[in-house]
Amino acid sequence: MSQNDGMSVVVRGAAHILTQTIEVGPHQLLGDELVEHGGSAKGPSPYEYLLVALGTCTSMTLQLYANRKGWPLERVTIRLRHTKVATGNTTNNTKAKNAFDCIEREIELTGMLDDAQRQRLLDIARKCPVNRTLKSEIDIQTRLG
């Protein structure tokens, strides 16, 4: 994998253990699953990291935009939730063959913003880079190393 282009993350796991060590530049993280899913709950799950990426990107994008405009945005709080939503006749959403992923994102803006500014920030949230990536077609190239 080329180290010269884009970002690089290294994930390592051992046999029979779901806990993963994650290297992101100088940062060391853990990934895991909940105990009820066979993990040890030592770190966020892969889907939780996906929500972290979207929430962090959304908050940063809104802060940068408001700062550039000189708007009185004091704080951004993002709450996210991931679910699988079934399509068709099934009662178990997580096992449905025709389920789709749904991410609910709630944005709380603190500061003396008028309605037009708040609406513009909502529009900008939909344009953060991670949001655009998740909404686009992604080419994932996988090979053995």
N, C-alpha and C. Protein backbone atom coordinates (compact mmCIF):
# COMPACT_ATOMS: atom_id res chain seq x y z
N MET A 1 0.85 -1.18 0.00
CA MET A 1 0.00 0.00 0.00
C MET A 1 0.89 1.23 0.00
N SER A 2 0.64 2.16 -0.87
CA SER A 2 1.46 3.36 -0.99
C SER A 2 1.30 4.25 0.23
N GLN A 3 2.41 4.66 0.82
CA GLN A 3 2.39 5.57 1.96
C GLN A 3 2.38 7.03 1.50
N ASN A 4 2.56 7.27 0.21
CA ASN A 4 2.70 8.63 -0.29
C ASN A 4 1.37 9.32 -0.57
N ASP A 5 0.33 8.56 -0.79
CA ASP A 5 -0.95 9.14 -1.17
C ASP A 5 -2.00 8.86 -0.11
N GLY A 6 -2.77 9.87 0.26
CA GLY A 6 -3.89 9.67 1.16
C GLY A 6 -3.47 9.40 2.59
N MET A 7 -4.43 8.91 3.36
CA MET A 7 -4.22 8.62 4.77
C MET A 7 -3.95 7.14 4.96
N SER A 8 -3.27 6.82 6.05
CA SER A 8 -2.93 5.44 6.31
C SER A 8 -3.31 5.07 7.74
N VAL A 9 -3.95 3.93 7.89
CA VAL A 9 -4.35 3.38 9.18
C VAL A 9 -3.89 1.94 9.19
N VAL A 10 -3.36 1.47 10.32
CA VAL A 10 -2.97 0.07 10.46
C VAL A 10 -3.80 -0.54 11.58
N VAL A 11 -4.45 -1.67 11.28
CA VAL A 11 -5.27 -2.39 12.26
C VAL A 11 -4.69 -3.79 12.41
N ARG A 12 -4.47 -4.21 13.66
CA ARG A 12 -3.93 -5.55 13.92
C ARG A 12 -4.84 -6.27 14.90
N GLY A 13 -5.07 -7.55 14.61
CA GLY A 13 -5.87 -8.39 15.50
C GLY A 13 -5.25 -9.76 15.62
N ALA A 14 -5.51 -10.42 16.73
CA ALA A 14 -5.01 -11.77 16.97
C ALA A 14 -6.16 -12.77 16.83
N ALA A 15 -5.81 -14.01 16.52
CA ALA A 15 -6.82 -15.06 16.36
C ALA A 15 -7.63 -15.22 17.64
N HIS A 16 -8.91 -15.43 17.50
CA HIS A 16 -9.85 -15.73 18.59
C HIS A 16 -10.10 -14.55 19.52
N ILE A 17 -9.62 -13.35 19.18
CA ILE A 17 -9.85 -12.17 20.01
C ILE A 17 -10.35 -11.06 19.09
N LEU A 18 -11.48 -10.45 19.43
CA LEU A 18 -12.01 -9.38 18.58
C LEU A 18 -11.35 -8.03 18.84
N THR A 19 -10.69 -7.85 19.98
CA THR A 19 -10.03 -6.58 20.27
C THR A 19 -8.94 -6.33 19.23
N GLN A 20 -8.97 -5.15 18.63
CA GLN A 20 -8.03 -4.77 17.58
C GLN A 20 -7.19 -3.58 18.06
N THR A 21 -5.90 -3.58 17.71
CA THR A 21 -5.08 -2.40 17.95
C THR A 21 -5.07 -1.59 16.66
N ILE A 22 -5.19 -0.29 16.81
CA ILE A 22 -5.32 0.60 15.67
C ILE A 22 -4.25 1.68 15.78
N GLU A 23 -3.50 1.87 14.70
CA GLU A 23 -2.49 2.93 14.63
C GLU A 23 -2.93 3.94 13.58
N VAL A 24 -3.08 5.17 14.02
CA VAL A 24 -3.42 6.27 13.12
C VAL A 24 -2.36 7.34 13.35
N GLY A 25 -1.34 7.34 12.49
CA GLY A 25 -0.22 8.25 12.73
C GLY A 25 0.37 7.98 14.11
N PRO A 26 0.49 9.02 14.94
CA PRO A 26 1.06 8.83 16.28
C PRO A 26 0.04 8.32 17.31
N HIS A 27 -1.19 8.14 16.91
CA HIS A 27 -2.26 7.76 17.84
C HIS A 27 -2.44 6.26 17.91
N GLN A 28 -2.66 5.75 19.12
CA GLN A 28 -2.93 4.33 19.35
C GLN A 28 -4.36 4.21 19.89
N LEU A 29 -5.18 3.41 19.22
CA LEU A 29 -6.57 3.22 19.61
C LEU A 29 -6.88 1.74 19.73
N LEU A 30 -8.03 1.43 20.30
CA LEU A 30 -8.53 0.06 20.33
C LEU A 30 -9.89 0.01 19.65
N GLY A 31 -10.16 -1.08 18.99
CA GLY A 31 -11.47 -1.36 18.43
C GLY A 31 -11.93 -2.70 18.99
N ASP A 32 -13.21 -2.86 19.21
CA ASP A 32 -13.73 -4.10 19.78
C ASP A 32 -15.22 -4.18 19.51
N GLU A 33 -15.82 -5.20 20.03
CA GLU A 33 -17.27 -5.36 20.00
C GLU A 33 -17.76 -5.49 21.43
N LEU A 34 -19.05 -5.32 21.62
CA LEU A 34 -19.65 -5.52 22.94
C LEU A 34 -19.52 -6.98 23.34
N VAL A 35 -19.59 -7.25 24.64
CA VAL A 35 -19.49 -8.61 25.15
C VAL A 35 -20.57 -9.49 24.53
N GLU A 36 -21.78 -8.97 24.41
CA GLU A 36 -22.88 -9.77 23.85
C GLU A 36 -22.69 -10.10 22.37
N HIS A 37 -21.74 -9.42 21.72
CA HIS A 37 -21.41 -9.73 20.32
C HIS A 37 -20.10 -10.48 20.20
N GLY A 38 -19.58 -10.99 21.32
CA GLY A 38 -18.36 -11.80 21.30
C GLY A 38 -17.08 -11.04 21.59
N GLY A 39 -17.19 -9.76 21.88
CA GLY A 39 -16.00 -8.96 22.16
C GLY A 39 -15.74 -8.81 23.64
N SER A 40 -14.84 -7.89 23.95
CA SER A 40 -14.48 -7.59 25.34
C SER A 40 -14.86 -6.17 25.73
N ALA A 41 -15.44 -5.42 24.82
CA ALA A 41 -15.86 -4.03 25.05
C ALA A 41 -14.70 -3.14 25.50
N LYS A 42 -13.50 -3.36 24.94
CA LYS A 42 -12.33 -2.56 25.30
C LYS A 42 -12.19 -1.31 24.43
N GLY A 43 -13.03 -1.18 23.43
CA GLY A 43 -12.97 -0.02 22.56
C GLY A 43 -14.25 0.06 21.74
N PRO A 44 -14.40 1.15 20.99
CA PRO A 44 -15.58 1.29 20.14
C PRO A 44 -15.64 0.20 19.07
N SER A 45 -16.86 -0.08 18.63
CA SER A 45 -17.07 -1.04 17.54
C SER A 45 -16.78 -0.36 16.21
N PRO A 46 -16.64 -1.13 15.14
CA PRO A 46 -16.42 -0.51 13.83
C PRO A 46 -17.52 0.50 13.45
N TYR A 47 -18.78 0.18 13.72
CA TYR A 47 -19.84 1.12 13.39
C TYR A 47 -19.78 2.36 14.27
N GLU A 48 -19.33 2.21 15.52
CA GLU A 48 -19.17 3.38 16.37
C GLU A 48 -18.07 4.29 15.83
N TYR A 49 -16.98 3.69 15.33
CA TYR A 49 -15.93 4.50 14.71
C TYR A 49 -16.45 5.21 13.47
N LEU A 50 -17.33 4.58 12.73
CA LEU A 50 -17.94 5.23 11.57
C LEU A 50 -18.72 6.47 12.01
N LEU A 51 -19.49 6.34 13.10
CA LEU A 51 -20.23 7.48 13.63
C LEU A 51 -19.29 8.56 14.16
N VAL A 52 -18.18 8.14 14.79
CA VAL A 52 -17.18 9.10 15.26
C VAL A 52 -16.65 9.92 14.08
N ALA A 53 -16.35 9.26 12.98
CA ALA A 53 -15.83 9.96 11.80
C ALA A 53 -16.83 10.99 11.29
N LEU A 54 -18.09 10.59 11.17
CA LEU A 54 -19.10 11.51 10.67
C LEU A 54 -19.36 12.65 11.65
N GLY A 55 -19.46 12.34 12.93
CA GLY A 55 -19.72 13.38 13.93
C GLY A 55 -18.58 14.38 14.04
N THR A 56 -17.36 13.88 14.06
CA THR A 56 -16.19 14.75 14.16
C THR A 56 -16.08 15.65 12.94
N CYS A 57 -16.25 15.08 11.76
CA CYS A 57 -16.16 15.85 10.53
C CYS A 57 -17.26 16.91 10.47
N THR A 58 -18.47 16.54 10.86
CA THR A 58 -19.58 17.49 10.85
C THR A 58 -19.29 18.67 11.78
N SER A 59 -18.87 18.37 13.01
CA SER A 59 -18.60 19.43 13.98
C SER A 59 -17.48 20.36 13.50
N MET A 60 -16.39 19.77 13.01
CA MET A 60 -15.27 20.58 12.53
C MET A 60 -15.68 21.46 11.35
N THR A 61 -16.44 20.88 10.42
CA THR A 61 -16.88 21.63 9.24
C THR A 61 -17.74 22.82 9.65
N LEU A 62 -18.67 22.61 10.58
CA LEU A 62 -19.54 23.69 11.03
C LEU A 62 -18.75 24.78 11.75
N GLN A 63 -17.79 24.36 12.59
CA GLN A 63 -16.98 25.34 13.31
C GLN A 63 -16.14 26.18 12.34
N LEU A 64 -15.52 25.52 11.37
CA LEU A 64 -14.70 26.25 10.39
C LEU A 64 -15.55 27.22 9.58
N TYR A 65 -16.73 26.78 9.14
CA TYR A 65 -17.60 27.63 8.33
C TYR A 65 -18.06 28.85 9.14
N ALA A 66 -18.53 28.61 10.37
CA ALA A 66 -19.00 29.71 11.21
C ALA A 66 -17.87 30.69 11.53
N ASN A 67 -16.68 30.17 11.80
CA ASN A 67 -15.53 31.05 12.08
C ASN A 67 -15.21 31.91 10.87
N ARG A 68 -15.22 31.30 9.69
CA ARG A 68 -14.92 32.04 8.46
C ARG A 68 -15.94 33.16 8.21
N LYS A 69 -17.20 32.88 8.56
CA LYS A 69 -18.27 33.87 8.37
C LYS A 69 -18.34 34.89 9.51
N GLY A 70 -17.63 34.61 10.61
CA GLY A 70 -17.69 35.50 11.77
C GLY A 70 -18.98 35.34 12.56
N TRP A 71 -19.60 34.19 12.47
CA TRP A 71 -20.86 33.94 13.18
C TRP A 71 -20.59 33.54 14.62
N PRO A 72 -21.52 33.87 15.53
CA PRO A 72 -21.32 33.61 16.96
C PRO A 72 -21.65 32.16 17.38
N LEU A 73 -21.05 31.20 16.73
CA LEU A 73 -21.23 29.80 17.10
C LEU A 73 -20.28 29.49 18.25
N GLU A 74 -20.84 29.11 19.40
CA GLU A 74 -20.03 28.85 20.59
C GLU A 74 -19.68 27.37 20.75
N ARG A 75 -20.62 26.51 20.39
CA ARG A 75 -20.39 25.08 20.58
C ARG A 75 -21.28 24.30 19.62
N VAL A 76 -20.76 23.15 19.19
CA VAL A 76 -21.52 22.22 18.35
C VAL A 76 -21.56 20.88 19.08
N THR A 77 -22.74 20.30 19.20
CA THR A 77 -22.89 18.96 19.76
C THR A 77 -23.59 18.11 18.71
N ILE A 78 -22.98 16.98 18.38
CA ILE A 78 -23.55 16.07 17.38
C ILE A 78 -23.89 14.76 18.08
N ARG A 79 -25.11 14.29 17.91
CA ARG A 79 -25.53 12.98 18.42
C ARG A 79 -25.88 12.11 17.22
N LEU A 80 -25.31 10.90 17.20
CA LEU A 80 -25.51 10.01 16.06
C LEU A 80 -25.98 8.65 16.52
N ARG A 81 -26.73 8.01 15.66
CA ARG A 81 -27.23 6.66 15.93
C ARG A 81 -27.28 5.89 14.62
N HIS A 82 -26.77 4.67 14.65
CA HIS A 82 -26.79 3.81 13.46
C HIS A 82 -27.77 2.67 13.71
N THR A 83 -28.63 2.42 12.73
CA THR A 83 -29.54 1.27 12.79
C THR A 83 -29.61 0.62 11.42
N LYS A 84 -30.06 -0.61 11.42
CA LYS A 84 -30.39 -1.32 10.18
C LYS A 84 -31.91 -1.29 10.08
N VAL A 85 -32.41 -0.85 8.96
CA VAL A 85 -33.85 -0.76 8.74
C VAL A 85 -34.24 -1.79 7.70
N ALA A 86 -35.18 -2.64 8.07
CA ALA A 86 -35.61 -3.71 7.16
C ALA A 86 -36.56 -3.17 6.10
N THR A 87 -36.45 -3.74 4.93
CA THR A 87 -37.43 -3.50 3.88
C THR A 87 -38.11 -4.83 3.62
N GLY A 88 -39.38 -4.81 3.42
CA GLY A 88 -40.09 -6.07 3.18
C GLY A 88 -40.73 -6.60 4.45
N ASN A 89 -41.12 -7.86 4.42
CA ASN A 89 -41.85 -8.48 5.52
C ASN A 89 -40.91 -9.25 6.45
N THR A 90 -40.37 -8.58 7.43
CA THR A 90 -39.54 -9.24 8.43
C THR A 90 -39.68 -8.50 9.74
N THR A 91 -39.53 -9.21 10.84
CA THR A 91 -39.64 -8.57 12.15
C THR A 91 -38.29 -8.37 12.81
N ASN A 92 -37.24 -8.98 12.27
CA ASN A 92 -35.91 -8.86 12.86
C ASN A 92 -35.05 -7.99 11.96
N ASN A 93 -34.98 -6.69 12.26
CA ASN A 93 -34.28 -5.75 11.39
C ASN A 93 -32.80 -6.07 11.20
N THR A 94 -32.12 -6.55 12.24
CA THR A 94 -30.68 -6.76 12.13
C THR A 94 -30.33 -7.96 11.27
N LYS A 95 -31.26 -8.88 11.05
CA LYS A 95 -30.97 -10.07 10.26
C LYS A 95 -31.63 -10.02 8.88
N ALA A 96 -32.30 -8.94 8.57
CA ALA A 96 -33.04 -8.85 7.31
C ALA A 96 -32.08 -8.84 6.13
N LYS A 97 -32.40 -9.61 5.11
CA LYS A 97 -31.57 -9.63 3.90
C LYS A 97 -31.69 -8.33 3.14
N ASN A 98 -32.85 -7.71 3.19
CA ASN A 98 -33.08 -6.48 2.44
C ASN A 98 -33.08 -5.27 3.37
N ALA A 99 -32.16 -5.24 4.32
CA ALA A 99 -32.06 -4.10 5.23
C ALA A 99 -31.12 -3.05 4.64
N PHE A 100 -31.35 -1.81 5.03
CA PHE A 100 -30.43 -0.74 4.64
C PHE A 100 -29.98 -0.02 5.91
N ASP A 101 -28.82 0.61 5.79
CA ASP A 101 -28.26 1.32 6.93
C ASP A 101 -28.88 2.71 7.04
N CYS A 102 -29.16 3.10 8.28
CA CYS A 102 -29.71 4.43 8.54
C CYS A 102 -28.87 5.09 9.64
N ILE A 103 -28.39 6.28 9.38
CA ILE A 103 -27.68 7.06 10.39
C ILE A 103 -28.52 8.28 10.69
N GLU A 104 -28.90 8.41 11.96
CA GLU A 104 -29.62 9.59 12.42
C GLU A 104 -28.58 10.54 13.02
N ARG A 105 -28.62 11.79 12.58
CA ARG A 105 -27.66 12.79 13.07
C ARG A 105 -28.45 13.99 13.59
N GLU A 106 -28.28 14.28 14.86
CA GLU A 106 -28.92 15.44 15.48
C GLU A 106 -27.83 16.46 15.81
N ILE A 107 -28.04 17.69 15.39
CA ILE A 107 -27.04 18.74 15.56
C ILE A 107 -27.59 19.81 16.50
N GLU A 108 -26.85 20.06 17.57
CA GLU A 108 -27.21 21.12 18.51
C GLU A 108 -26.20 22.25 18.36
N LEU A 109 -26.70 23.42 18.04
CA LEU A 109 -25.85 24.60 17.84
C LEU A 109 -26.07 25.57 19.00
N THR A 110 -25.00 25.93 19.69
CA THR A 110 -25.08 26.87 20.81
C THR A 110 -24.44 28.18 20.38
N GLY A 111 -25.15 29.26 20.61
CA GLY A 111 -24.66 30.59 20.25
C GLY A 111 -25.82 31.44 19.77
N MET A 112 -25.60 32.72 19.65
CA MET A 112 -26.64 33.67 19.24
C MET A 112 -26.76 33.69 17.72
N LEU A 113 -27.20 32.59 17.15
CA LEU A 113 -27.37 32.46 15.70
C LEU A 113 -28.81 32.76 15.33
N ASP A 114 -29.02 33.45 14.21
CA ASP A 114 -30.39 33.66 13.75
C ASP A 114 -30.85 32.43 12.96
N ASP A 115 -32.12 32.42 12.59
CA ASP A 115 -32.69 31.25 11.90
C ASP A 115 -32.00 30.97 10.56
N ALA A 116 -31.65 32.02 9.83
CA ALA A 116 -30.99 31.83 8.53
C ALA A 116 -29.60 31.21 8.72
N GLN A 117 -28.88 31.65 9.73
CA GLN A 117 -27.56 31.07 10.00
C GLN A 117 -27.67 29.61 10.41
N ARG A 118 -28.64 29.31 11.26
CA ARG A 118 -28.84 27.93 11.71
C ARG A 118 -29.19 27.03 10.52
N GLN A 119 -30.05 27.51 9.63
CA GLN A 119 -30.43 26.73 8.46
C GLN A 119 -29.24 26.53 7.52
N ARG A 120 -28.44 27.57 7.36
CA ARG A 120 -27.25 27.45 6.50
C ARG A 120 -26.27 26.43 7.08
N LEU A 121 -26.10 26.42 8.39
CA LEU A 121 -25.21 25.45 9.02
C LEU A 121 -25.75 24.03 8.87
N LEU A 122 -27.06 23.87 8.90
CA LEU A 122 -27.65 22.55 8.64
C LEU A 122 -27.32 22.10 7.22
N ASP A 123 -27.43 23.01 6.26
CA ASP A 123 -27.08 22.69 4.87
C ASP A 123 -25.59 22.32 4.75
N ILE A 124 -24.74 23.07 5.43
CA ILE A 124 -23.30 22.82 5.39
C ILE A 124 -22.97 21.46 6.01
N ALA A 125 -23.69 21.07 7.04
CA ALA A 125 -23.45 19.78 7.69
C ALA A 125 -23.57 18.64 6.69
N ARG A 126 -24.50 18.76 5.77
CA ARG A 126 -24.71 17.72 4.76
C ARG A 126 -23.58 17.68 3.72
N LYS A 127 -22.70 18.68 3.77
CA LYS A 127 -21.61 18.76 2.79
C LYS A 127 -20.24 18.46 3.40
N CYS A 128 -20.20 18.03 4.66
CA CYS A 128 -18.89 17.73 5.24
C CYS A 128 -18.26 16.57 4.46
N PRO A 129 -16.93 16.52 4.38
CA PRO A 129 -16.27 15.51 3.55
C PRO A 129 -16.65 14.06 3.86
N VAL A 130 -16.78 13.70 5.13
CA VAL A 130 -17.14 12.32 5.45
C VAL A 130 -18.58 12.03 5.01
N ASN A 131 -19.48 12.99 5.19
CA ASN A 131 -20.86 12.82 4.72
C ASN A 131 -20.87 12.57 3.22
N ARG A 132 -20.10 13.35 2.48
CA ARG A 132 -20.03 13.18 1.02
C ARG A 132 -19.47 11.80 0.65
N THR A 133 -18.46 11.35 1.37
CA THR A 133 -17.88 10.03 1.11
C THR A 133 -18.91 8.94 1.35
N LEU A 134 -19.62 9.02 2.47
CA LEU A 134 -20.61 7.99 2.80
C LEU A 134 -21.77 7.97 1.81
N LYS A 135 -22.09 9.11 1.22
CA LYS A 135 -23.20 9.18 0.27
C LYS A 135 -22.78 8.83 -1.15
N SER A 136 -21.47 8.72 -1.39
CA SER A 136 -20.99 8.45 -2.74
C SER A 136 -20.71 6.96 -2.94
N GLU A 137 -20.44 6.61 -4.17
CA GLU A 137 -20.00 5.25 -4.47
C GLU A 137 -18.54 5.16 -4.07
N ILE A 138 -18.18 4.13 -3.32
CA ILE A 138 -16.81 3.98 -2.82
C ILE A 138 -16.17 2.76 -3.47
N ASP A 139 -14.97 2.94 -3.98
CA ASP A 139 -14.20 1.84 -4.56
C ASP A 139 -13.22 1.35 -3.51
N ILE A 140 -13.45 0.18 -2.94
CA ILE A 140 -12.56 -0.40 -1.94
C ILE A 140 -11.76 -1.50 -2.63
N GLN A 141 -10.47 -1.28 -2.76
CA GLN A 141 -9.59 -2.24 -3.42
C GLN A 141 -8.91 -3.08 -2.35
N THR A 142 -9.14 -4.39 -2.37
CA THR A 142 -8.63 -5.30 -1.34
C THR A 142 -7.68 -6.30 -1.97
N ARG A 143 -6.52 -6.48 -1.33
CA ARG A 143 -5.54 -7.45 -1.82
C ARG A 143 -4.79 -8.03 -0.63
N LEU A 144 -4.14 -9.14 -0.83
CA LEU A 144 -3.29 -9.74 0.20
C LEU A 144 -1.94 -9.05 0.20
N GLY A 145 -1.36 -8.85 1.39
CA GLY A 145 -0.06 -8.20 1.50
C GLY A 145 1.00 -9.15 1.97
